């Protein structure tokens, strides 16, 4: 799951909980710290490459630097 990998790679220092929910018919939902970040069911489409990470940055980490490696 590239969305989870990207989020945890860049923001592991600020994410307390990351939940990925998969189900039948390609259901894909990303929940970060209790808030739905992306839902394929709600959007009616697959996320574009990098879209989940961009949404996280916009909503939760606009002023947060990425994790120092």
N, C-alpha and C. Protein backbone atom coordinates (compact mmCIF):
# COMPACT_ATOMS: atom_id res chain seq x y z
N UNK A 1 0.83 -1.18 0.00
CA UNK A 1 0.00 0.00 0.00
C UNK A 1 0.88 1.25 0.00
N UNK A 2 0.98 1.87 -1.12
CA UNK A 2 1.85 3.04 -1.22
C UNK A 2 1.34 4.21 -0.39
N UNK A 3 0.03 4.35 -0.23
CA UNK A 3 -0.51 5.46 0.57
C UNK A 3 -0.03 5.36 2.01
N UNK A 4 -0.13 4.19 2.61
CA UNK A 4 0.33 4.00 3.99
C UNK A 4 1.83 4.18 4.09
N UNK A 5 2.56 3.61 3.14
CA UNK A 5 4.02 3.75 3.16
C UNK A 5 4.42 5.22 3.08
N UNK A 6 3.81 5.97 2.17
CA UNK A 6 4.15 7.38 2.02
C UNK A 6 3.84 8.17 3.29
N UNK A 7 2.66 7.95 3.86
CA UNK A 7 2.27 8.67 5.07
C UNK A 7 3.23 8.37 6.23
N UNK A 8 3.50 7.11 6.44
CA UNK A 8 4.36 6.74 7.56
C UNK A 8 5.82 7.12 7.31
N UNK A 9 6.24 7.10 6.07
CA UNK A 9 7.60 7.49 5.74
C UNK A 9 7.84 8.95 6.07
N UNK A 10 6.90 9.81 5.69
CA UNK A 10 7.09 11.25 5.86
C UNK A 10 6.57 11.81 7.17
N UNK A 11 5.55 11.17 7.77
CA UNK A 11 4.89 11.78 8.93
C UNK A 11 4.70 10.83 10.11
N UNK A 12 5.58 9.86 10.24
CA UNK A 12 5.46 8.92 11.36
C UNK A 12 5.58 9.62 12.71
N UNK A 13 6.20 10.77 12.74
CA UNK A 13 6.40 11.50 13.98
C UNK A 13 5.16 12.28 14.42
N UNK A 14 4.12 12.37 13.59
CA UNK A 14 2.91 13.09 13.97
C UNK A 14 1.64 12.26 13.88
N UNK A 15 1.70 11.07 13.29
CA UNK A 15 0.52 10.21 13.17
C UNK A 15 0.47 9.28 14.37
N UNK A 16 -0.62 9.37 15.12
CA UNK A 16 -0.81 8.47 16.26
C UNK A 16 -1.39 7.13 15.82
N UNK A 17 -2.29 7.17 14.84
CA UNK A 17 -2.95 5.95 14.40
C UNK A 17 -3.28 6.06 12.92
N UNK A 18 -3.00 5.01 12.18
CA UNK A 18 -3.31 4.95 10.75
C UNK A 18 -4.07 3.66 10.49
N UNK A 19 -5.27 3.77 9.91
CA UNK A 19 -6.10 2.62 9.64
C UNK A 19 -6.40 2.56 8.15
N UNK A 20 -6.15 1.43 7.55
CA UNK A 20 -6.52 1.18 6.16
C UNK A 20 -7.62 0.14 6.17
N UNK A 21 -8.70 0.43 5.48
CA UNK A 21 -9.82 -0.50 5.44
C UNK A 21 -10.02 -0.93 4.00
N UNK A 22 -9.93 -2.23 3.79
CA UNK A 22 -10.20 -2.78 2.46
C UNK A 22 -11.40 -3.70 2.57
N UNK A 23 -12.07 -3.90 1.49
CA UNK A 23 -13.23 -4.77 1.53
C UNK A 23 -13.56 -5.27 0.14
N UNK A 24 -14.74 -5.81 0.01
CA UNK A 24 -15.14 -6.36 -1.28
C UNK A 24 -15.32 -5.23 -2.30
N UNK A 25 -15.21 -5.58 -3.54
CA UNK A 25 -15.38 -4.65 -4.66
C UNK A 25 -14.39 -3.50 -4.63
N UNK A 26 -13.19 -3.73 -4.07
CA UNK A 26 -12.14 -2.73 -4.11
C UNK A 26 -12.31 -1.56 -3.17
N UNK A 27 -13.09 -1.74 -2.11
CA UNK A 27 -13.26 -0.67 -1.14
C UNK A 27 -11.91 -0.32 -0.55
N UNK A 28 -11.62 0.96 -0.47
CA UNK A 28 -10.35 1.43 0.06
C UNK A 28 -10.60 2.73 0.81
N UNK A 29 -10.37 2.72 2.13
CA UNK A 29 -10.57 3.89 2.96
C UNK A 29 -9.34 4.11 3.81
N UNK A 30 -8.89 5.36 3.92
CA UNK A 30 -7.74 5.71 4.74
C UNK A 30 -8.25 6.62 5.85
N UNK A 31 -8.01 6.20 7.10
CA UNK A 31 -8.42 6.98 8.27
C UNK A 31 -7.16 7.31 9.06
N UNK A 32 -6.96 8.60 9.33
CA UNK A 32 -5.80 9.05 10.09
C UNK A 32 -6.29 9.75 11.35
N UNK A 33 -5.85 9.27 12.49
CA UNK A 33 -6.22 9.84 13.78
C UNK A 33 -7.73 10.05 13.89
N UNK A 34 -8.49 9.06 13.42
CA UNK A 34 -9.94 9.08 13.55
C UNK A 34 -10.70 9.81 12.46
N UNK A 35 -10.01 10.49 11.55
CA UNK A 35 -10.68 11.24 10.49
C UNK A 35 -10.47 10.55 9.14
N UNK A 36 -11.53 10.41 8.36
CA UNK A 36 -11.41 9.81 7.05
C UNK A 36 -10.66 10.76 6.12
N UNK A 37 -9.58 10.27 5.60
CA UNK A 37 -8.74 11.06 4.70
C UNK A 37 -9.11 10.81 3.24
N UNK A 38 -9.42 9.56 2.93
CA UNK A 38 -9.82 9.20 1.57
C UNK A 38 -10.72 7.97 1.63
N UNK A 39 -11.76 8.00 0.82
CA UNK A 39 -12.66 6.85 0.71
C UNK A 39 -12.98 6.63 -0.76
N UNK A 40 -12.56 5.51 -1.29
CA UNK A 40 -12.86 5.19 -2.68
C UNK A 40 -14.37 5.10 -2.87
N UNK A 41 -15.07 4.57 -1.90
CA UNK A 41 -16.53 4.46 -1.98
C UNK A 41 -17.16 5.84 -2.11
N UNK A 42 -16.74 6.78 -1.28
CA UNK A 42 -17.32 8.13 -1.32
C UNK A 42 -16.92 8.89 -2.57
N UNK A 43 -15.67 8.72 -3.00
CA UNK A 43 -15.16 9.45 -4.17
C UNK A 43 -15.62 8.82 -5.49
N UNK A 44 -15.88 7.51 -5.46
CA UNK A 44 -16.29 6.82 -6.66
C UNK A 44 -15.15 6.55 -7.64
N UNK A 45 -13.92 6.59 -7.13
CA UNK A 45 -12.76 6.38 -8.00
C UNK A 45 -11.55 6.02 -7.14
N UNK A 46 -10.51 5.51 -7.81
CA UNK A 46 -9.24 5.26 -7.14
C UNK A 46 -8.55 6.58 -6.87
N UNK A 47 -7.75 6.62 -5.84
CA UNK A 47 -6.94 7.81 -5.56
C UNK A 47 -5.84 7.92 -6.61
N UNK A 48 -5.55 9.12 -7.00
CA UNK A 48 -4.44 9.37 -7.92
C UNK A 48 -3.13 9.16 -7.16
N UNK A 49 -2.04 8.83 -7.85
CA UNK A 49 -0.75 8.68 -7.16
C UNK A 49 -0.41 9.95 -6.37
N UNK A 50 -0.10 9.79 -5.11
CA UNK A 50 0.27 10.89 -4.25
C UNK A 50 -0.91 11.68 -3.67
N UNK A 51 -2.14 11.35 -4.07
CA UNK A 51 -3.30 12.11 -3.61
C UNK A 51 -3.54 12.00 -2.11
N UNK A 52 -3.41 10.80 -1.57
CA UNK A 52 -3.65 10.60 -0.14
C UNK A 52 -2.62 11.39 0.67
N UNK A 53 -1.37 11.35 0.26
CA UNK A 53 -0.32 12.09 0.95
C UNK A 53 -0.58 13.60 0.87
N UNK A 54 -0.99 14.09 -0.29
CA UNK A 54 -1.30 15.52 -0.44
C UNK A 54 -2.46 15.93 0.46
N UNK A 55 -3.48 15.08 0.53
CA UNK A 55 -4.62 15.40 1.40
C UNK A 55 -4.18 15.46 2.86
N UNK A 56 -3.32 14.52 3.26
CA UNK A 56 -2.83 14.55 4.63
C UNK A 56 -2.07 15.84 4.90
N UNK A 57 -1.17 16.21 4.00
CA UNK A 57 -0.40 17.45 4.18
C UNK A 57 -1.33 18.65 4.30
N UNK A 58 -2.32 18.74 3.42
CA UNK A 58 -3.23 19.87 3.42
C UNK A 58 -4.05 19.96 4.70
N UNK A 59 -4.51 18.83 5.20
CA UNK A 59 -5.42 18.82 6.35
C UNK A 59 -4.73 18.75 7.71
N UNK A 60 -3.58 18.06 7.78
CA UNK A 60 -3.00 17.76 9.08
C UNK A 60 -1.57 18.25 9.27
N UNK A 61 -0.87 18.55 8.21
CA UNK A 61 0.56 18.77 8.38
C UNK A 61 1.11 19.89 7.48
N UNK A 62 0.30 20.90 7.22
CA UNK A 62 0.76 21.95 6.31
C UNK A 62 2.00 22.67 6.83
N UNK A 63 2.15 22.76 8.14
CA UNK A 63 3.32 23.42 8.74
C UNK A 63 4.31 22.45 9.38
N UNK A 64 4.12 21.16 9.12
CA UNK A 64 4.94 20.13 9.75
C UNK A 64 5.99 19.63 8.78
N UNK A 65 7.25 19.68 9.17
CA UNK A 65 8.29 19.15 8.28
C UNK A 65 8.20 17.62 8.22
N UNK A 66 8.65 17.05 7.10
CA UNK A 66 8.67 15.60 6.99
C UNK A 66 9.66 15.02 8.00
N UNK A 67 9.47 13.76 8.30
CA UNK A 67 10.32 13.05 9.28
C UNK A 67 11.77 13.08 8.84
N UNK A 68 12.62 13.49 9.74
CA UNK A 68 14.06 13.52 9.45
C UNK A 68 14.61 12.11 9.47
N UNK A 69 15.32 11.74 8.44
CA UNK A 69 15.87 10.39 8.34
C UNK A 69 17.29 10.38 8.81
